[in-house]
Amino acid sequence: MVFAFVGELLHYFIPLPIPASIYGIVLLFLALEFKVVKVSDIEQTSSFLIAIMPLMFLPPAVGVIESWDLIRGAWFPYVVVTVVSTVFVMAVSGRVTQRIIRKGGRK
């Protein structure tokens, strides 16, 4: 919660188009990286959030269904953008993961 609050403050005071949640995630990452926060301190909460993550997708899905009249005329571009961006994110995530694993193997 502290990182989310500080992220909100940064979003308020820094005039950049970056969501407050991104500030909070970056701050949490840095705190974990520099051993300010231990993984064991956030493990229980993070496991809970991962377990309920599918529920977080329900409101956007309902929003898409309710907006079908607006989307109907342009559904194909939406599908193309979704597929291309999903493949791109999967490829980049895979490459980054491979590099991290290889870097860890050298140590």
PDB file of N, CA and C in Angstrom:
ATOM      1  N   MET A   1       0.833  -1.199   0.000  1.00  0.00           N
ATOM      2  CA  MET A   1       0.000   0.000   0.000  1.00  0.00           C
ATOM      3  C   MET A   1       0.870   1.252   0.000  1.00  0.00           C
ATOM      4  N   VAL A   2       1.990   1.191   0.672  1.00  0.00           N
ATOM      5  CA  VAL A   2       2.879   2.359   0.723  1.00  0.00           C
ATOM      6  C   VAL A   2       3.370   2.704  -0.678  1.00  0.00           C
ATOM      7  N   PHE A   3       3.748   1.699  -1.443  1.00  0.00           N
ATOM      8  CA  PHE A   3       4.249   1.955  -2.790  1.00  0.00           C
ATOM      9  C   PHE A   3       3.137   2.487  -3.696  1.00  0.00           C
ATOM     10  N   ALA A   4       1.928   1.994  -3.528  1.00  0.00           N
ATOM     11  CA  ALA A   4       0.799   2.515  -4.298  1.00  0.00           C
ATOM     12  C   ALA A   4       0.537   3.978  -3.937  1.00  0.00           C
ATOM     13  N   PHE A   5       0.621   4.310  -2.653  1.00  0.00           N
ATOM     14  CA  PHE A   5       0.397   5.685  -2.220  1.00  0.00           C
ATOM     15  C   PHE A   5       1.484   6.615  -2.757  1.00  0.00           C
ATOM     16  N   VAL A   6       2.732   6.189  -2.658  1.00  0.00           N
ATOM     17  CA  VAL A   6       3.835   7.011  -3.171  1.00  0.00           C
ATOM     18  C   VAL A   6       3.711   7.150  -4.690  1.00  0.00           C
ATOM     19  N   GLY A   7       3.268   6.090  -5.361  1.00  0.00           N
ATOM     20  CA  GLY A   7       3.021   6.176  -6.803  1.00  0.00           C
ATOM     21  C   GLY A   7       1.963   7.208  -7.126  1.00  0.00           C
ATOM     22  N   GLU A   8       0.907   7.266  -6.325  1.00  0.00           N
ATOM     23  CA  GLU A   8      -0.136   8.286  -6.513  1.00  0.00           C
ATOM     24  C   GLU A   8       0.434   9.685  -6.314  1.00  0.00           C
ATOM     25  N   LEU A   9       1.270   9.850  -5.296  1.00  0.00           N
ATOM     26  CA  LEU A   9       1.891  11.157  -5.059  1.00  0.00           C
ATOM     27  C   LEU A   9       2.786  11.568  -6.230  1.00  0.00           C
ATOM     28  N   LEU A  10       3.592  10.642  -6.704  1.00  0.00           N
ATOM     29  CA  LEU A  10       4.460  10.942  -7.842  1.00  0.00           C
ATOM     30  C   LEU A  10       3.644  11.311  -9.073  1.00  0.00           C
ATOM     31  N   HIS A  11       2.568  10.586  -9.299  1.00  0.00           N
ATOM     32  CA  HIS A  11       1.699  10.879 -10.442  1.00  0.00           C
ATOM     33  C   HIS A  11       1.100  12.279 -10.332  1.00  0.00           C
ATOM     34  N   TYR A  12       0.782  12.674  -9.124  1.00  0.00           N
ATOM     35  CA  TYR A  12       0.188  13.993  -8.889  1.00  0.00           C
ATOM     36  C   TYR A  12       1.215  15.114  -9.110  1.00  0.00           C
ATOM     37  N   PHE A  13       2.452  14.897  -8.646  1.00  0.00           N
ATOM     38  CA  PHE A  13       3.456  15.952  -8.684  1.00  0.00           C
ATOM     39  C   PHE A  13       4.319  15.963  -9.943  1.00  0.00           C
ATOM     40  N   ILE A  14       4.440  14.847 -10.625  1.00  0.00           N
ATOM     41  CA  ILE A  14       5.256  14.791 -11.843  1.00  0.00           C
ATOM     42  C   ILE A  14       4.317  14.820 -13.054  1.00  0.00           C
ATOM     43  N   PRO A  15       4.416  15.847 -13.873  1.00  0.00           N
ATOM     44  CA  PRO A  15       3.474  15.991 -14.998  1.00  0.00           C
ATOM     45  C   PRO A  15       3.828  15.139 -16.214  1.00  0.00           C
ATOM     46  N   LEU A  16       3.903  13.833 -16.024  1.00  0.00           N
ATOM     47  CA  LEU A  16       4.156  12.913 -17.131  1.00  0.00           C
ATOM     48  C   LEU A  16       2.938  12.015 -17.312  1.00  0.00           C
ATOM     49  N   PRO A  17       2.700  11.545 -18.528  1.00  0.00           N
ATOM     50  CA  PRO A  17       1.540  10.667 -18.755  1.00  0.00           C
ATOM     51  C   PRO A  17       1.820   9.223 -18.345  1.00  0.00           C
ATOM     52  N   ILE A  18       2.275   9.029 -17.110  1.00  0.00           N
ATOM     53  CA  ILE A  18       2.581   7.698 -16.583  1.00  0.00           C
ATOM     54  C   ILE A  18       1.575   7.406 -15.479  1.00  0.00           C
ATOM     55  N   PRO A  19       0.882   6.278 -15.556  1.00  0.00           N
ATOM     56  CA  PRO A  19      -0.086   5.941 -14.506  1.00  0.00           C
ATOM     57  C   PRO A  19       0.583   5.784 -13.145  1.00  0.00           C
ATOM     58  N   ALA A  20      -0.157   6.118 -12.109  1.00  0.00           N
ATOM     59  CA  ALA A  20       0.364   6.015 -10.746  1.00  0.00           C
ATOM     60  C   ALA A  20       0.761   4.589 -10.410  1.00  0.00           C
ATOM     61  N   SER A  21       0.036   3.616 -10.924  1.00  0.00           N
ATOM     62  CA  SER A  21       0.362   2.220 -10.625  1.00  0.00           C
ATOM     63  C   SER A  21       1.741   1.835 -11.165  1.00  0.00           C
ATOM     64  N   ILE A  22       2.138   2.419 -12.290  1.00  0.00           N
ATOM     65  CA  ILE A  22       3.461   2.129 -12.858  1.00  0.00           C
ATOM     66  C   ILE A  22       4.552   2.694 -11.950  1.00  0.00           C
ATOM     67  N   TYR A  23       4.344   3.911 -11.452  1.00  0.00           N
ATOM     68  CA  TYR A  23       5.297   4.469 -10.491  1.00  0.00           C
ATOM     69  C   TYR A  23       5.440   3.522  -9.291  1.00  0.00           C
ATOM     70  N   GLY A  24       4.318   3.060  -8.766  1.00  0.00           N
ATOM     71  CA  GLY A  24       4.343   2.176  -7.608  1.00  0.00           C
ATOM     72  C   GLY A  24       5.054   0.870  -7.893  1.00  0.00           C
ATOM     73  N   ILE A  25       4.801   0.281  -9.058  1.00  0.00           N
ATOM     74  CA  ILE A  25       5.450  -0.984  -9.420  1.00  0.00           C
ATOM     75  C   ILE A  25       6.951  -0.797  -9.565  1.00  0.00           C
ATOM     76  N   VAL A  26       7.363   0.289 -10.200  1.00  0.00           N
ATOM     77  CA  VAL A  26       8.794   0.552 -10.373  1.00  0.00           C
ATOM     78  C   VAL A  26       9.455   0.759  -9.007  1.00  0.00           C
ATOM     79  N   LEU A  27       8.801   1.501  -8.136  1.00  0.00           N
ATOM     80  CA  LEU A  27       9.350   1.714  -6.790  1.00  0.00           C
ATOM     81  C   LEU A  27       9.464   0.392  -6.023  1.00  0.00           C
ATOM     82  N   LEU A  28       8.441  -0.449  -6.116  1.00  0.00           N
ATOM     83  CA  LEU A  28       8.493  -1.751  -5.454  1.00  0.00           C
ATOM     84  C   LEU A  28       9.623  -2.607  -6.031  1.00  0.00           C
ATOM     85  N   PHE A  29       9.762  -2.596  -7.343  1.00  0.00           N
ATOM     86  CA  PHE A  29      10.849  -3.341  -7.985  1.00  0.00           C
ATOM     87  C   PHE A  29      12.202  -2.867  -7.476  1.00  0.00           C
ATOM     88  N   LEU A  30      12.400  -1.543  -7.423  1.00  0.00           N
ATOM     89  CA  LEU A  30      13.670  -1.004  -6.941  1.00  0.00           C
ATOM     90  C   LEU A  30      13.908  -1.367  -5.474  1.00  0.00           C
ATOM     91  N   ALA A  31      12.865  -1.311  -4.675  1.00  0.00           N
ATOM     92  CA  ALA A  31      12.995  -1.679  -3.259  1.00  0.00           C
ATOM     93  C   ALA A  31      13.376  -3.152  -3.115  1.00  0.00           C
ATOM     94  N   LEU A  32      12.816  -4.000  -3.946  1.00  0.00           N
ATOM     95  CA  LEU A  32      13.179  -5.423  -3.922  1.00  0.00           C
ATOM     96  C   LEU A  32      14.601  -5.626  -4.443  1.00  0.00           C
ATOM     97  N   GLU A  33      14.942  -4.924  -5.498  1.00  0.00           N
ATOM     98  CA  GLU A  33      16.271  -5.065  -6.103  1.00  0.00           C
ATOM     99  C   GLU A  33      17.383  -4.626  -5.154  1.00  0.00           C
ATOM    100  N   PHE A  34      17.143  -3.543  -4.427  1.00  0.00           N
ATOM    101  CA  PHE A  34      18.156  -3.022  -3.508  1.00  0.00           C
ATOM    102  C   PHE A  34      17.992  -3.560  -2.082  1.00  0.00           C
ATOM    103  N   LYS A  35      17.177  -4.590  -1.946  1.00  0.00           N
ATOM    104  CA  LYS A  35      16.994  -5.308  -0.678  1.00  0.00           C
ATOM    105  C   LYS A  35      16.433  -4.426   0.444  1.00  0.00           C
ATOM    106  N   VAL A  36      15.698  -3.380   0.082  1.00  0.00           N
ATOM    107  CA  VAL A  36      15.013  -2.565   1.080  1.00  0.00           C
ATOM    108  C   VAL A  36      13.804  -3.338   1.601  1.00  0.00           C
ATOM    109  N   VAL A  37      13.150  -4.064   0.696  1.00  0.00           N
ATOM    110  CA  VAL A  37      12.010  -4.919   1.027  1.00  0.00           C
ATOM    111  C   VAL A  37      12.407  -6.351   0.687  1.00  0.00           C
ATOM    112  N   LYS A  38      12.088  -7.267   1.563  1.00  0.00           N
ATOM    113  CA  LYS A  38      12.378  -8.683   1.324  1.00  0.00           C
ATOM    114  C   LYS A  38      11.194  -9.325   0.604  1.00  0.00           C
ATOM    115  N   VAL A  39      11.487 -10.312  -0.216  1.00  0.00           N
ATOM    116  CA  VAL A  39      10.429 -11.033  -0.928  1.00  0.00           C
ATOM    117  C   VAL A  39       9.465 -11.657   0.064  1.00  0.00           C
ATOM    118  N   SER A  40       9.979 -12.142   1.160  1.00  0.00           N
ATOM    119  CA  SER A  40       9.104 -12.772   2.165  1.00  0.00           C
ATOM    120  C   SER A  40       8.099 -11.788   2.759  1.00  0.00           C
ATOM    121  N   ASP A  41       8.419 -10.481   2.727  1.00  0.00           N
ATOM    122  CA  ASP A  41       7.503  -9.465   3.248  1.00  0.00           C
ATOM    123  C   ASP A  41       6.256  -9.302   2.380  1.00  0.00           C
ATOM    124  N   ILE A  42       6.387  -9.582   1.089  1.00  0.00           N
ATOM    125  CA  ILE A  42       5.250  -9.363   0.173  1.00  0.00           C
ATOM    126  C   ILE A  42       4.728 -10.660  -0.438  1.00  0.00           C
ATOM    127  N   GLU A  43       5.316 -11.781  -0.061  1.00  0.00           N
ATOM    128  CA  GLU A  43       4.969 -13.057  -0.695  1.00  0.00           C
ATOM    129  C   GLU A  43       3.502 -13.438  -0.504  1.00  0.00           C
ATOM    130  N   GLN A  44       2.988 -13.311   0.696  1.00  0.00           N
ATOM    131  CA  GLN A  44       1.602 -13.719   0.956  1.00  0.00           C
ATOM    132  C   GLN A  44       0.617 -12.842   0.180  1.00  0.00           C
ATOM    133  N   THR A  45       0.824 -11.538   0.208  1.00  0.00           N
ATOM    134  CA  THR A  45      -0.070 -10.626  -0.509  1.00  0.00           C
ATOM    135  C   THR A  45       0.016 -10.834  -2.015  1.00  0.00           C
ATOM    136  N   SER A  46       1.232 -11.001  -2.534  1.00  0.00           N
ATOM    137  CA  SER A  46       1.376 -11.192  -3.976  1.00  0.00           C
ATOM    138  C   SER A  46       0.743 -12.512  -4.427  1.00  0.00           C
ATOM    139  N   SER A  47       0.854 -13.550  -3.625  1.00  0.00           N
ATOM    140  CA  SER A  47       0.212 -14.829  -3.971  1.00  0.00           C
ATOM    141  C   SER A  47      -1.304 -14.683  -4.011  1.00  0.00           C
ATOM    142  N   PHE A  48      -1.846 -13.941  -3.061  1.00  0.00           N
ATOM    143  CA  PHE A  48      -3.295 -13.692  -3.052  1.00  0.00           C
ATOM    144  C   PHE A  48      -3.728 -12.929  -4.300  1.00  0.00           C
ATOM    145  N   LEU A  49      -2.989 -11.874  -4.660  1.00  0.00           N
ATOM    146  CA  LEU A  49      -3.353 -11.071  -5.832  1.00  0.00           C
ATOM    147  C   LEU A  49      -3.260 -11.883  -7.120  1.00  0.00           C
ATOM    148  N   ILE A  50      -2.273 -12.741  -7.224  1.00  0.00           N
ATOM    149  CA  ILE A  50      -2.157 -13.594  -8.404  1.00  0.00           C
ATOM    150  C   ILE A  50      -3.319 -14.576  -8.457  1.00  0.00           C
ATOM    151  N   ALA A  51      -3.731 -15.076  -7.294  1.00  0.00           N
ATOM    152  CA  ALA A  51      -4.838 -16.041  -7.254  1.00  0.00           C
ATOM    153  C   ALA A  51      -6.156 -15.419  -7.699  1.00  0.00           C
ATOM    154  N   ILE A  52      -6.375 -14.136  -7.393  1.00  0.00           N
ATOM    155  CA  ILE A  52      -7.645 -13.504  -7.778  1.00  0.00           C
ATOM    156  C   ILE A  52      -7.547 -12.715  -9.085  1.00  0.00           C
ATOM    157  N   MET A  53      -6.399 -12.784  -9.761  1.00  0.00           N
ATOM    158  CA  MET A  53      -6.215 -12.020 -10.996  1.00  0.00           C
ATOM    159  C   MET A  53      -7.300 -12.262 -12.048  1.00  0.00           C
ATOM    160  N   PRO A  54      -7.772 -13.492 -12.256  1.00  0.00           N
ATOM    161  CA  PRO A  54      -8.828 -13.672 -13.260  1.00  0.00           C
ATOM    162  C   PRO A  54     -10.067 -12.827 -12.985  1.00  0.00           C
ATOM    163  N   LEU A  55     -10.376 -12.587 -11.734  1.00  0.00           N
ATOM    164  CA  LEU A  55     -11.533 -11.749 -11.412  1.00  0.00           C
ATOM    165  C   LEU A  55     -11.350 -10.311 -11.874  1.00  0.00           C
ATOM    166  N   MET A  56     -10.112  -9.873 -11.976  1.00  0.00           N
ATOM    167  CA  MET A  56      -9.829  -8.501 -12.391  1.00  0.00           C
ATOM    168  C   MET A  56     -10.153  -8.267 -13.870  1.00  0.00           C
ATOM    169  N   PHE A  57     -10.268  -9.345 -14.642  1.00  0.00           N
ATOM    170  CA  PHE A  57     -10.557  -9.199 -16.067  1.00  0.00           C
ATOM    171  C   PHE A  57     -12.057  -9.178 -16.358  1.00  0.00           C
ATOM    172  N   LEU A  58     -12.876  -9.487 -15.384  1.00  0.00           N
ATOM    173  CA  LEU A  58     -14.322  -9.502 -15.617  1.00  0.00           C
ATOM    174  C   LEU A  58     -14.900  -8.121 -15.943  1.00  0.00           C
ATOM    175  N   PRO A  59     -14.610  -7.078 -15.184  1.00  0.00           N
ATOM    176  CA  PRO A  59     -15.190  -5.765 -15.522  1.00  0.00           C
ATOM    177  C   PRO A  59     -14.835  -5.280 -16.933  1.00  0.00           C
ATOM    178  N   PRO A  60     -13.567  -5.389 -17.381  1.00  0.00           N
ATOM    179  CA  PRO A  60     -13.288  -4.973 -18.760  1.00  0.00           C
ATOM    180  C   PRO A  60     -14.029  -5.821 -19.795  1.00  0.00           C
ATOM    181  N   ALA A  61     -14.177  -7.120 -19.526  1.00  0.00           N
ATOM    182  CA  ALA A  61     -14.894  -7.985 -20.472  1.00  0.00           C
ATOM    183  C   ALA A  61     -16.362  -7.578 -20.572  1.00  0.00           C
ATOM    184  N   VAL A  62     -16.963  -7.266 -19.439  1.00  0.00           N
ATOM    185  CA  VAL A  62     -18.351  -6.808 -19.451  1.00  0.00           C
ATOM    186  C   VAL A  62     -18.461  -5.479 -20.185  1.00  0.00           C
ATOM    187  N   GLY A  63     -17.470  -4.605 -19.997  1.00  0.00           N
ATOM    188  CA  GLY A  63     -17.464  -3.325 -20.704  1.00  0.00           C
ATOM    189  C   GLY A  63     -17.410  -3.500 -22.212  1.00  0.00           C
ATOM    190  N   VAL A  64     -16.620  -4.464 -22.669  1.00  0.00           N
ATOM    191  CA  VAL A  64     -16.539  -4.734 -24.112  1.00  0.00           C
ATOM    192  C   VAL A  64     -17.881  -5.246 -24.622  1.00  0.00           C
ATOM    193  N   ILE A  65     -18.494  -6.136 -23.866  1.00  0.00           N
ATOM    194  CA  ILE A  65     -19.790  -6.682 -24.281  1.00  0.00           C
ATOM    195  C   ILE A  65     -20.841  -5.577 -24.341  1.00  0.00           C
ATOM    196  N   GLU A  66     -20.833  -4.680 -23.353  1.00  0.00           N
ATOM    197  CA  GLU A  66     -21.807  -3.591 -23.340  1.00  0.00           C
ATOM    198  C   GLU A  66     -21.556  -2.574 -24.447  1.00  0.00           C
ATOM    199  N   SER A  67     -20.318  -2.474 -24.914  1.00  0.00           N
ATOM    200  CA  SER A  67     -19.962  -1.519 -25.969  1.00  0.00           C
ATOM    201  C   SER A  67     -19.973  -2.157 -27.353  1.00  0.00           C
ATOM    202  N   TRP A  68     -20.564  -3.318 -27.489  1.00  0.00           N
ATOM    203  CA  TRP A  68     -20.515  -4.039 -28.757  1.00  0.00           C
ATOM    204  C   TRP A  68     -21.084  -3.209 -29.914  1.00  0.00           C
ATOM    205  N   ASP A  69     -22.095  -2.415 -29.668  1.00  0.00           N
ATOM    206  CA  ASP A  69     -22.668  -1.596 -30.747  1.00  0.00           C
ATOM    207  C   ASP A  69     -21.636  -0.627 -31.314  1.00  0.00           C
ATOM    208  N   LEU A  70     -20.772  -0.108 -30.482  1.00  0.00           N
ATOM    209  CA  LEU A  70     -19.726   0.803 -30.945  1.00  0.00           C
ATOM    210  C   LEU A  70     -18.581   0.062 -31.628  1.00  0.00           C
ATOM    211  N   ILE A  71     -18.305  -1.135 -31.163  1.00  0.00           N
ATOM    212  CA  ILE A  71     -17.166  -1.908 -31.659  1.00  0.00           C
ATOM    213  C   ILE A  71     -17.497  -2.681 -32.934  1.00  0.00           C
ATOM    214  N   ARG A  72     -18.754  -3.007 -33.129  1.00  0.00           N
ATOM    215  CA  ARG A  72     -19.172  -3.892 -34.214  1.00  0.00           C
ATOM    216  C   ARG A  72     -18.605  -3.490 -35.570  1.00  0.00           C
ATOM    217  N   GLY A  73     -18.589  -2.205 -35.881  1.00  0.00           N
ATOM    218  CA  GLY A  73     -18.116  -1.754 -37.189  1.00  0.00           C
ATOM    219  C   GLY A  73     -16.616  -1.866 -37.377  1.00  0.00           C
ATOM    220  N   ALA A  74     -15.872  -1.955 -36.305  1.00  0.00           N
ATOM    221  CA  ALA A  74     -14.413  -1.987 -36.415  1.00  0.00           C
ATOM    222  C   ALA A  74     -13.815  -3.179 -35.671  1.00  0.00           C
ATOM    223  N   TRP A  75     -14.502  -4.295 -35.626  1.00  0.00           N
ATOM    224  CA  TRP A  75     -14.028  -5.433 -34.853  1.00  0.00           C
ATOM    225  C   TRP A  75     -12.734  -6.021 -35.403  1.00  0.00           C
ATOM    226  N   PHE A  76     -12.567  -6.021 -36.731  1.00  0.00           N
ATOM    227  CA  PHE A  76     -11.377  -6.631 -37.324  1.00  0.00           C
ATOM    228  C   PHE A  76     -10.085  -5.921 -36.896  1.00  0.00           C
ATOM    229  N   PRO A  77     -10.011  -4.586 -36.964  1.00  0.00           N
ATOM    230  CA  PRO A  77      -8.791  -3.922 -36.472  1.00  0.00           C
ATOM    231  C   PRO A  77      -8.522  -4.201 -34.992  1.00  0.00           C
ATOM    232  N   TYR A  78      -9.581  -4.279 -34.192  1.00  0.00           N
ATOM    233  CA  TYR A  78      -9.402  -4.610 -32.774  1.00  0.00           C
ATOM    234  C   TYR A  78      -8.766  -5.989 -32.605  1.00  0.00           C
ATOM    235  N   VAL A  79      -9.239  -6.942 -33.383  1.00  0.00           N
ATOM    236  CA  VAL A  79      -8.706  -8.302 -33.293  1.00  0.00           C
ATOM    237  C   VAL A  79      -7.252  -8.331 -33.761  1.00  0.00           C
ATOM    238  N   VAL A  80      -6.952  -7.648 -34.855  1.00  0.00           N
ATOM    239  CA  VAL A  80      -5.583  -7.622 -35.378  1.00  0.00           C
ATOM    240  C   VAL A  80      -4.633  -6.994 -34.359  1.00  0.00           C
ATOM    241  N   VAL A  81      -5.008  -5.851 -33.817  1.00  0.00           N
ATOM    242  CA  VAL A  81      -4.159  -5.181 -32.826  1.00  0.00           C
ATOM    243  C   VAL A  81      -3.969  -6.069 -31.598  1.00  0.00           C
ATOM    244  N   THR A  82      -5.021  -6.727 -31.157  1.00  0.00           N
ATOM    245  CA  THR A  82      -4.922  -7.601 -29.991  1.00  0.00           C
ATOM    246  C   THR A  82      -3.986  -8.769 -30.258  1.00  0.00           C
ATOM    247  N   VAL A  83      -4.115  -9.410 -31.392  1.00  0.00           N
ATOM    248  CA  VAL A  83      -3.265 -10.565 -31.712  1.00  0.00           C
ATOM    249  C   VAL A  83      -1.811 -10.131 -31.888  1.00  0.00           C
ATOM    250  N   VAL A  84      -1.574  -9.069 -32.639  1.00  0.00           N
ATOM    251  CA  VAL A  84      -0.201  -8.617 -32.882  1.00  0.00           C
ATOM    252  C   VAL A  84       0.462  -8.183 -31.576  1.00  0.00           C
ATOM    253  N   SER A  85      -0.235  -7.405 -30.771  1.00  0.00           N
ATOM    254  CA  SER A  85       0.372  -6.945 -29.515  1.00  0.00           C
ATOM    255  C   SER A  85       0.601  -8.109 -28.548  1.00  0.00           C
ATOM    256  N   THR A  86      -0.293  -9.086 -28.536  1.00  0.00           N
ATOM    257  CA  THR A  86      -0.106 -10.250 -27.670  1.00  0.00           C
ATOM    258  C   THR A  86       1.121 -11.042 -28.090  1.00  0.00           C
ATOM    259  N   VAL A  87       1.277 -11.287 -29.374  1.00  0.00           N
ATOM    260  CA  VAL A  87       2.445 -12.018 -29.874  1.00  0.00           C
ATOM    261  C   VAL A  87       3.723 -11.234 -29.577  1.00  0.00           C
ATOM    262  N   PHE A  88       3.687  -9.924 -29.769  1.00  0.00           N
ATOM    263  CA  PHE A  88       4.859  -9.087 -29.492  1.00  0.00           C
ATOM    264  C   PHE A  88       5.253  -9.156 -28.021  1.00  0.00           C
ATOM    265  N   VAL A  89       4.290  -9.011 -27.139  1.00  0.00           N
ATOM    266  CA  VAL A  89       4.570  -9.054 -25.700  1.00  0.00           C
ATOM    267  C   VAL A  89       5.105 -10.433 -25.302  1.00  0.00           C
ATOM    268  N   MET A  90       4.519 -11.488 -25.856  1.00  0.00           N
ATOM    269  CA  MET A  90       5.002 -12.835 -25.536  1.00  0.00           C
ATOM    270  C   MET A  90       6.445 -13.018 -26.011  1.00  0.00           C
ATOM    271  N   ALA A  91       6.772 -12.533 -27.205  1.00  0.00           N
ATOM    272  CA  ALA A  91       8.122 -12.681 -27.744  1.00  0.00           C
ATOM    273  C   ALA A  91       9.138 -11.895 -26.916  1.00  0.00           C
ATOM    274  N   VAL A  92       8.815 -10.660 -26.600  1.00  0.00           N
ATOM    275  CA  VAL A  92       9.734  -9.841 -25.805  1.00  0.00           C
ATOM    276  C   VAL A  92       9.897 -10.431 -24.407  1.00  0.00           C
ATOM    277  N   SER A  93       8.803 -10.861 -23.799  1.00  0.00           N
ATOM    278  CA  SER A  93       8.882 -11.461 -22.467  1.00  0.00           C
ATOM    279  C   SER A  93       9.732 -12.731 -22.488  1.00  0.00           C
ATOM    280  N   GLY A  94       9.575 -13.536 -23.518  1.00  0.00           N
ATOM    281  CA  GLY A  94      10.373 -14.752 -23.644  1.00  0.00           C
ATOM    282  C   GLY A  94      11.853 -14.454 -23.789  1.00  0.00           C
ATOM    283  N   ARG A  95      12.182 -13.467 -24.616  1.00  0.00           N
ATOM    284  CA  ARG A  95      13.586 -13.089 -24.812  1.00  0.00           C
ATOM    285  C   ARG A  95      14.205 -12.560 -23.514  1.00  0.00           C
ATOM    286  N   VAL A  96      13.468 -11.698 -22.835  1.00  0.00           N
ATOM    287  CA  VAL A  96      13.970 -11.149 -21.571  1.00  0.00           C
ATOM    288  C   VAL A  96      14.164 -12.264 -20.550  1.00  0.00           C
ATOM    289  N   THR A  97      13.209 -13.169 -20.464  1.00  0.00           N
ATOM    290  CA  THR A  97      13.321 -14.289 -19.527  1.00  0.00           C
ATOM    291  C   THR A  97      14.526 -15.152 -19.859  1.00  0.00           C
ATOM    292  N   GLN A  98      14.746 -15.434 -21.141  1.00  0.00           N
ATOM    293  CA  GLN A  98      15.904 -16.231 -21.539  1.00  0.00           C
ATOM    294  C   GLN A  98      17.211 -15.545 -21.150  1.00  0.00           C
ATOM    295  N   ARG A  99      17.287 -14.233 -21.361  1.00  0.00           N
ATOM    296  CA  ARG A  99      18.511 -13.515 -20.995  1.00  0.00           C
ATOM    297  C   ARG A  99      18.740 -13.529 -19.498  1.00  0.00           C
ATOM    298  N   ILE A 100      17.681 -13.372 -18.728  1.00  0.00           N
ATOM    299  CA  ILE A 100      17.823 -13.390 -17.271  1.00  0.00           C
ATOM    300  C   ILE A 100      18.280 -14.763 -16.798  1.00  0.00           C
ATOM    301  N   ILE A 101      17.692 -15.811 -17.378  1.00  0.00           N
ATOM    302  CA  ILE A 101      18.094 -17.178 -17.008  1.00  0.00           C
ATOM    303  C   ILE A 101      19.548 -17.426 -17.373  1.00  0.00           C
ATOM    304  N   ARG A 102      19.950 -17.004 -18.562  1.00  0.00           N
ATOM    305  CA  ARG A 102      21.346 -17.206 -18.982  1.00  0.00           C
ATOM    306  C   ARG A 102      22.301 -16.393 -18.107  1.00  0.00           C
ATOM    307  N   LYS A 103      21.924 -15.185 -17.777  1.00  0.00           N
ATOM    308  CA  LYS A 103      22.762 -14.347 -16.912  1.00  0.00           C
ATOM    309  C   LYS A 103      22.889 -14.979 -15.530  1.00  0.00           C
ATOM    310  N   GLY A 104      21.814 -15.534 -15.009  1.00  0.00           N
ATOM    311  CA  GLY A 104      21.847 -16.210 -13.709  1.00  0.00           C
ATOM    312  C   GLY A 104      22.672 -17.473 -13.744  1.00  0.00           C
ATOM    313  N   GLY A 105      22.714 -18.157 -14.883  1.00  0.00           N
ATOM    314  CA  GLY A 105      23.502 -19.377 -15.018  1.00  0.00           C
ATOM    315  C   GLY A 105      24.979 -19.140 -15.018  1.00  0.00           C
ATOM    316  N   ARG A 106      25.416 -17.955 -15.419  1.00  0.00           N
ATOM    317  CA  ARG A 106      26.830 -17.633 -15.453  1.00  0.00           C
ATOM    318  C   ARG A 106      27.407 -17.396 -14.064  1.00  0.00           C
ATOM    319  N   LYS A 107      26.567 -17.022 -13.118  1.00  0.00           N
ATOM    320  CA  LYS A 107      27.060 -16.677 -11.783  1.00  0.00           C
ATOM    321  C   LYS A 107      27.498 -17.882 -11.018  1.00  0.00           C
TER     322      LYS A 107
END
